[in-house]
C-alpha atoms as a PDB file:
ATOM      1  CA  UNK A   1     116.624 170.068-112.948  1.00  0.00           C
ATOM      2  CA  UNK A   2     116.084 171.266-109.381  1.00  0.00           C
ATOM      3  CA  UNK A   3     117.410 168.611-107.010  1.00  0.00           C
ATOM      4  CA  UNK A   4     120.583 166.596-106.529  1.00  0.00           C
ATOM      5  CA  UNK A   5     120.205 163.422-104.486  1.00  0.00           C
ATOM      6  CA  UNK A   6     122.960 162.735-101.987  1.00  0.00           C
ATOM      7  CA  UNK A   7     124.217 159.182-101.609  1.00  0.00           C
ATOM      8  CA  UNK A   8     122.119 158.580 -98.479  1.00  0.00           C
ATOM      9  CA  UNK A   9     118.859 159.427-100.283  1.00  0.00           C
ATOM     10  CA  UNK A  10     119.891 157.192-103.194  1.00  0.00           C
ATOM     11  CA  UNK A  11     120.519 154.356-100.733  1.00  0.00           C
ATOM     12  CA  UNK A  12     116.988 154.639 -99.330  1.00  0.00           C
ATOM     13  CA  UNK A  13     115.581 154.428-102.842  1.00  0.00           C
ATOM     14  CA  UNK A  14     117.674 151.330-103.521  1.00  0.00           C
ATOM     15  CA  UNK A  15     116.531 149.578-100.318  1.00  0.00           C
ATOM     16  CA  UNK A  16     112.848 150.118-101.174  1.00  0.00           C
ATOM     17  CA  UNK A  17     111.720 149.617 -97.564  1.00  0.00           C
ATOM     18  CA  UNK A  18     111.143 151.598 -94.410  1.00  0.00           C
ATOM     19  CA  UNK A  19     109.579 154.867 -93.360  1.00  0.00           C
ATOM     20  CA  UNK A  20     112.390 156.912 -94.906  1.00  0.00           C
ATOM     21  CA  UNK A  21     111.768 155.260 -98.281  1.00  0.00           C
ATOM     22  CA  UNK A  22     108.024 155.923 -98.016  1.00  0.00           C
ATOM     23  CA  UNK A  23     108.545 159.575 -97.109  1.00  0.00           C
ATOM     24  CA  UNK A  24     111.129 160.092 -99.836  1.00  0.00           C
ATOM     25  CA  UNK A  25     109.101 158.471-102.606  1.00  0.00           C
ATOM     26  CA  UNK A  26     105.984 160.401-101.590  1.00  0.00           C
ATOM     27  CA  UNK A  27     107.872 163.689-101.942  1.00  0.00           C
ATOM     28  CA  UNK A  28     109.506 162.648-105.211  1.00  0.00           C
ATOM     29  CA  UNK A  29     106.116 161.689-106.650  1.00  0.00           C
ATOM     30  CA  UNK A  30     105.048 165.351-106.414  1.00  0.00           C
ATOM     31  CA  UNK A  31     107.681 166.292-109.005  1.00  0.00           C
ATOM     32  CA  UNK A  32     108.681 165.429-112.525  1.00  0.00           C
ATOM     33  CA  UNK A  33     111.504 162.924-112.907  1.00  0.00           C
ATOM     34  CA  UNK A  34     113.295 165.661-114.875  1.00  0.00           C
ATOM     35  CA  UNK A  35     113.665 167.591-111.596  1.00  0.00           C
ATOM     36  CA  UNK A  36     116.201 165.112-110.197  1.00  0.00           C
ATOM     37  CA  UNK A  37     119.820 164.231-110.841  1.00  0.00           C
ATOM     38  CA  UNK A  38     122.526 162.066-109.313  1.00  0.00           C
ATOM     39  CA  UNK A  39     126.246 162.786-109.148  1.00  0.00           C
ATOM     40  CA  UNK A  40     129.234 160.837-110.359  1.00  0.00           C
ATOM     41  CA  UNK A  41     130.611 161.248-106.828  1.00  0.00           C
ATOM     42  CA  UNK A  42     127.653 159.331-105.359  1.00  0.00           C
ATOM     43  CA  UNK A  43     128.228 156.661-107.994  1.00  0.00           C
ATOM     44  CA  UNK A  44     131.871 156.513-106.910  1.00  0.00           C
ATOM     45  CA  UNK A  45     130.852 156.152-103.239  1.00  0.00           C
ATOM     46  CA  UNK A  46     128.467 153.328-104.009  1.00  0.00           C
ATOM     47  CA  UNK A  47     130.973 151.480-106.182  1.00  0.00           C
ATOM     48  CA  UNK A  48     133.509 151.734-103.353  1.00  0.00           C
ATOM     49  CA  UNK A  49     130.895 150.294-100.965  1.00  0.00           C
ATOM     50  CA  UNK A  50     130.166 147.333-103.235  1.00  0.00           C
ATOM     51  CA  UNK A  51     133.887 146.804-103.841  1.00  0.00           C
ATOM     52  CA  UNK A  52     134.546 146.749-100.086  1.00  0.00           C
ATOM     53  CA  UNK A  53     131.675 144.306 -99.552  1.00  0.00           C
ATOM     54  CA  UNK A  54     133.069 141.993-102.253  1.00  0.00           C
ATOM     55  CA  UNK A  55     136.602 142.159-100.844  1.00  0.00           C
ATOM     56  CA  UNK A  56     135.392 141.278 -97.355  1.00  0.00           C
ATOM     57  CA  UNK A  57     133.093 138.470 -98.517  1.00  0.00           C
ATOM     58  CA  UNK A  58     133.574 135.262 -96.569  1.00  0.00           C
ATOM     59  CA  UNK A  59     131.097 133.071 -98.440  1.00  0.00           C
ATOM     60  CA  UNK A  60     129.928 132.511-101.987  1.00  0.00           C
ATOM     61  CA  UNK A  61     126.596 134.019-100.980  1.00  0.00           C
ATOM     62  CA  UNK A  62     128.373 137.186 -99.827  1.00  0.00           C
ATOM     63  CA  UNK A  63     130.289 137.391-103.100  1.00  0.00           C
ATOM     64  CA  UNK A  64     127.059 137.052-105.064  1.00  0.00           C
ATOM     65  CA  UNK A  65     125.418 139.714-102.884  1.00  0.00           C
ATOM     66  CA  UNK A  66     128.354 142.072-103.446  1.00  0.00           C
ATOM     67  CA  UNK A  67     128.190 141.721-107.192  1.00  0.00           C
ATOM     68  CA  UNK A  68     124.411 142.093-107.044  1.00  0.00           C
ATOM     69  CA  UNK A  69     124.913 145.397-105.196  1.00  0.00           C
ATOM     70  CA  UNK A  70     127.380 146.513-107.847  1.00  0.00           C
ATOM     71  CA  UNK A  71     124.988 145.599-110.668  1.00  0.00           C
ATOM     72  CA  UNK A  72     122.051 147.327-108.959  1.00  0.00           C
ATOM     73  CA  UNK A  73     124.171 150.449-108.556  1.00  0.00           C
ATOM     74  CA  UNK A  74     125.079 150.430-112.248  1.00  0.00           C
ATOM     75  CA  UNK A  75     121.455 149.883-113.290  1.00  0.00           C
ATOM     76  CA  UNK A  76     120.119 152.559-110.936  1.00  0.00           C
ATOM     77  CA  UNK A  77     122.551 155.190-112.124  1.00  0.00           C
ATOM     78  CA  UNK A  78     121.806 154.397-115.761  1.00  0.00           C
ATOM     79  CA  UNK A  79     118.171 155.510-115.332  1.00  0.00           C
ATOM     80  CA  UNK A  80     118.778 159.119-114.266  1.00  0.00           C
ATOM     81  CA  UNK A  81     120.988 162.032-115.257  1.00  0.00           C
ATOM     82  CA  UNK A  82     124.410 161.731-113.619  1.00  0.00           C
ATOM     83  CA  UNK A  83     126.166 165.056-113.168  1.00  0.00           C
ATOM     84  CA  UNK A  84     129.933 165.232-113.614  1.00  0.00           C
ATOM     85  CA  UNK A  85     132.542 166.636-111.288  1.00  0.00           C
ATOM     86  CA  UNK A  86     133.533 169.131-113.940  1.00  0.00           C
ATOM     87  CA  UNK A  87     135.594 172.313-114.183  1.00  0.00           C
ATOM     88  CA  UNK A  88     132.835 174.442-112.619  1.00  0.00           C
ATOM     89  CA  UNK A  89     132.434 172.034-109.690  1.00  0.00           C
ATOM     90  CA  UNK A  90     136.175 171.710-109.095  1.00  0.00           C
ATOM     91  CA  UNK A  91     136.489 175.495-109.072  1.00  0.00           C
ATOM     92  CA  UNK A  92     133.875 175.726-106.323  1.00  0.00           C
ATOM     93  CA  UNK A  93     135.444 172.760-104.530  1.00  0.00           C
ATOM     94  CA  UNK A  94     138.812 174.541-104.509  1.00  0.00           C
ATOM     95  CA  UNK A  95     137.195 177.743-103.171  1.00  0.00           C
ATOM     96  CA  UNK A  96     135.529 175.773-100.366  1.00  0.00           C
ATOM     97  CA  UNK A  97     138.866 174.153 -99.502  1.00  0.00           C
ATOM     98  CA  UNK A  98     140.470 177.597 -99.250  1.00  0.00           C
ATOM     99  CA  UNK A  99     137.642 178.558 -96.855  1.00  0.00           C
ATOM    100  CA  UNK A 100     138.604 175.489 -94.786  1.00  0.00           C
ATOM    101  CA  UNK A 101     135.118 173.964 -94.850  1.00  0.00           C
ATOM    102  CA  UNK A 102     135.463 170.885 -92.645  1.00  0.00           C
ATOM    103  CA  UNK A 103     133.440 168.085 -94.197  1.00  0.00           C
ATOM    104  CA  UNK A 104     134.535 164.923 -95.973  1.00  0.00           C
ATOM    105  CA  UNK A 105     136.102 165.259 -99.409  1.00  0.00           C
ATOM    106  CA  UNK A 106     133.328 163.287-101.098  1.00  0.00           C
ATOM    107  CA  UNK A 107     130.630 165.404 -99.434  1.00  0.00           C
ATOM    108  CA  UNK A 108     132.452 168.568-100.426  1.00  0.00           C
ATOM    109  CA  UNK A 109     132.588 167.347-104.023  1.00  0.00           C
ATOM    110  CA  UNK A 110     128.842 166.633-103.990  1.00  0.00           C
ATOM    111  CA  UNK A 111     128.186 170.074-102.483  1.00  0.00           C
ATOM    112  CA  UNK A 112     130.339 171.674-105.193  1.00  0.00           C
ATOM    113  CA  UNK A 113     128.333 169.935-107.920  1.00  0.00           C
ATOM    114  CA  UNK A 114     125.062 171.150-106.367  1.00  0.00           C
ATOM    115  CA  UNK A 115     126.379 174.700-106.023  1.00  0.00           C
ATOM    116  CA  UNK A 116     127.799 174.771-109.549  1.00  0.00           C
ATOM    117  CA  UNK A 117     124.367 173.935-110.941  1.00  0.00           C
ATOM    118  CA  UNK A 118     122.295 175.867-108.395  1.00  0.00           C
ATOM    119  CA  UNK A 119     120.551 172.704-107.174  1.00  0.00           C
ATOM    120  CA  UNK A 120     118.977 171.850-103.842  1.00  0.00           C
ATOM    121  CA  UNK A 121     120.839 168.937-102.264  1.00  0.00           C
ATOM    122  CA  UNK A 122     118.563 166.250-100.836  1.00  0.00           C
ATOM    123  CA  UNK A 123     120.410 164.701 -97.904  1.00  0.00           C
ATOM    124  CA  UNK A 124     119.982 163.542 -94.326  1.00  0.00           C
ATOM    125  CA  UNK A 125     123.445 164.914 -93.606  1.00  0.00           C
ATOM    126  CA  UNK A 126     122.251 168.472 -93.039  1.00  0.00           C
ATOM    127  CA  UNK A 127     124.660 168.899 -90.118  1.00  0.00           C
ATOM    128  CA  UNK A 128     127.765 168.621 -92.274  1.00  0.00           C
ATOM    129  CA  UNK A 129     126.307 170.199 -95.394  1.00  0.00           C
ATOM    130  CA  UNK A 130     125.087 173.217 -93.388  1.00  0.00           C
ATOM    131  CA  UNK A 131     128.771 174.176 -93.075  1.00  0.00           C
ATOM    132  CA  UNK A 132     128.869 174.902 -96.810  1.00  0.00           C
ATOM    133  CA  UNK A 133     127.955 178.543 -97.499  1.00  0.00           C
ATOM    134  CA  UNK A 134     125.010 179.090 -99.854  1.00  0.00           C
ATOM    135  CA  UNK A 135     124.259 175.370-100.200  1.00  0.00           C
ATOM    136  CA  UNK A 136     120.559 174.646 -99.845  1.00  0.00           C
ATOM    137  CA  UNK A 137     119.768 171.240 -98.363  1.00  0.00           C
ATOM    138  CA  UNK A 138     116.541 169.415 -97.591  1.00  0.00           C
ATOM    139  CA  UNK A 139     115.901 166.050 -95.948  1.00  0.00           C
ATOM    140  CA  UNK A 140     112.963 164.364 -97.655  1.00  0.00           C
ATOM    141  CA  UNK A 141     113.189 161.196 -95.548  1.00  0.00           C
ATOM    142  CA  UNK A 142     111.521 162.791 -92.512  1.00  0.00           C
END
């Protein structure tokens, strides 16, 4: 395992359209599927997104779409290794908090998982993630 996909890269893969998707899939195709992992934190973020969509649904079509998003998220995450937010990651997370790294809690958790496993984080959010010492990030959508 070499790479951890951030939630934004996962979202491009789920959409299956656009230049970002084409660029990302071309880069992924150069590697073994065993080189990639997802995080339980990204799963959490996507479930929250689907939940919010369902709660705000105004029509039956919107409700169906929300549950379709939730099902697609579940199916997508069941096809790849999903890394936990475990004791090693929480230790790094706590150290980063002490250092007063100013990024969102979810992003800091994802960064901690990548650092705890010595993985490159694939993300478009290089601005925020660059604040995390020793975290290596790459944007494969460009």
